[in-house]
């Protein structure tokens, strides 16, 4: 068997560093994907239909008072969560729009 030796130490270290970075990135991304796949599997959802004058702030305050899932949570966090669950980019609502609201 032929003995292997490192001819250029700088290139060897760079190659090993790149390989290590790629492996760590793959592990990190695969873990993140598997964790975010089903973030809230035990939750059920109610539907709220937006009527004239409704705002996300108003809906969130109402949910904070009446929905045990949102009890003791900041209204701004509730707004962001409702936007995330409903894939909303902005806080603009339209009359008749249906929002999924998590419930326990």
Protein backbone atom coordinates (compact mmCIF):
# COMPACT_ATOMS: atom_id res chain seq x y z
CA UNK A 1 0.00 0.00 0.00
CA UNK A 2 1.27 3.40 -0.95
CA UNK A 3 1.83 6.02 1.78
CA UNK A 4 -0.11 9.23 1.32
CA UNK A 5 1.36 12.54 2.31
CA UNK A 6 0.12 16.09 2.31
CA UNK A 7 1.87 18.13 -0.36
CA UNK A 8 0.27 21.52 0.33
CA UNK A 9 -0.85 21.95 3.95
CA UNK A 10 -2.70 25.22 3.23
CA UNK A 11 -4.92 23.64 0.55
CA UNK A 12 -5.52 20.59 2.73
CA UNK A 13 -6.72 22.69 5.69
CA UNK A 14 -8.90 24.84 3.42
CA UNK A 15 -10.49 21.74 1.86
CA UNK A 16 -11.18 20.15 5.24
CA UNK A 17 -12.66 23.45 6.53
CA UNK A 18 -15.00 23.72 3.55
CA UNK A 19 -16.07 20.10 3.92
CA UNK A 20 -16.73 20.58 7.63
CA UNK A 21 -18.76 23.74 6.95
CA UNK A 22 -20.90 21.94 4.36
CA UNK A 23 -21.57 19.02 6.72
CA UNK A 24 -22.54 21.34 9.60
CA UNK A 25 -24.81 23.39 7.29
CA UNK A 26 -26.58 20.26 6.07
CA UNK A 27 -27.13 19.04 9.63
CA UNK A 28 -28.41 22.46 10.74
CA UNK A 29 -30.81 22.84 7.81
CA UNK A 30 -32.17 19.31 8.05
CA UNK A 31 -32.84 19.78 11.78
CA UNK A 32 -34.59 23.10 11.17
CA UNK A 33 -36.78 21.64 8.44
CA UNK A 34 -37.81 18.67 10.57
CA UNK A 35 -38.66 20.90 13.55
CA UNK A 36 -40.69 23.39 11.54
CA UNK A 37 -42.57 20.74 9.57
CA UNK A 38 -45.39 20.47 12.11
CA UNK A 39 -44.85 23.22 14.62
CA UNK A 40 -48.17 22.88 16.48
CA UNK A 41 -49.51 19.36 15.91
CA UNK A 42 -51.85 19.35 18.93
CA UNK A 43 -53.63 22.61 18.05
CA UNK A 44 -57.10 22.95 16.69
CA UNK A 45 -58.27 26.03 14.85
CA UNK A 46 -61.38 28.17 14.95
CA UNK A 47 -62.30 30.47 12.11
CA UNK A 48 -62.99 34.17 12.57
CA UNK A 49 -64.68 36.01 9.73
CA UNK A 50 -63.60 39.64 9.40
CA UNK A 51 -66.45 42.16 9.55
CA UNK A 52 -66.43 45.91 8.84
CA UNK A 53 -64.21 47.74 11.33
CA UNK A 54 -62.22 44.69 12.46
CA UNK A 55 -58.47 45.07 12.90
CA UNK A 56 -55.85 42.51 13.83
CA UNK A 57 -55.27 44.45 17.04
CA UNK A 58 -58.96 44.21 17.99
CA UNK A 59 -59.15 40.51 17.12
CA UNK A 60 -55.95 39.83 19.06
CA UNK A 61 -57.21 41.64 22.18
CA UNK A 62 -60.42 39.61 21.99
CA UNK A 63 -58.43 36.37 21.62
CA UNK A 64 -56.18 37.36 24.53
CA UNK A 65 -59.27 37.72 26.77
CA UNK A 66 -61.27 34.70 25.59
CA UNK A 67 -58.84 32.15 24.13
CA UNK A 68 -56.79 30.14 26.67
CA UNK A 69 -54.12 29.61 24.02
CA UNK A 70 -53.32 33.34 24.06
CA UNK A 71 -53.84 34.03 27.78
CA UNK A 72 -50.98 36.08 29.30
CA UNK A 73 -49.42 36.73 25.89
CA UNK A 74 -48.56 40.17 24.55
CA UNK A 75 -51.01 41.50 21.96
CA UNK A 76 -48.18 42.22 19.50
CA UNK A 77 -47.05 38.58 19.74
CA UNK A 78 -50.62 37.42 19.18
CA UNK A 79 -50.88 39.61 16.07
CA UNK A 80 -47.62 38.22 14.69
CA UNK A 81 -48.72 34.66 15.42
CA UNK A 82 -52.10 35.11 13.72
CA UNK A 83 -50.31 36.63 10.71
CA UNK A 84 -47.92 33.68 10.61
CA UNK A 85 -50.68 31.05 10.90
CA UNK A 86 -52.63 32.74 8.10
CA UNK A 87 -49.62 33.57 5.89
CA UNK A 88 -50.37 37.30 6.01
CA UNK A 89 -47.65 39.67 4.85
CA UNK A 90 -49.37 42.78 6.24
CA UNK A 91 -51.95 43.57 8.90
CA UNK A 92 -54.51 44.64 6.28
CA UNK A 93 -57.78 42.73 6.48
CA UNK A 94 -60.72 42.58 4.08
CA UNK A 95 -64.37 42.17 4.95
CA UNK A 96 -65.35 38.51 4.69
CA UNK A 97 -61.77 37.27 5.06
CA UNK A 98 -61.52 34.16 7.21
CA UNK A 99 -58.71 33.88 9.76
CA UNK A 100 -57.62 30.63 11.36
CA UNK A 101 -57.18 31.13 15.12
CA UNK A 102 -55.40 28.47 17.19
CA UNK A 103 -57.31 27.11 20.17
CA UNK A 104 -56.51 24.52 22.78
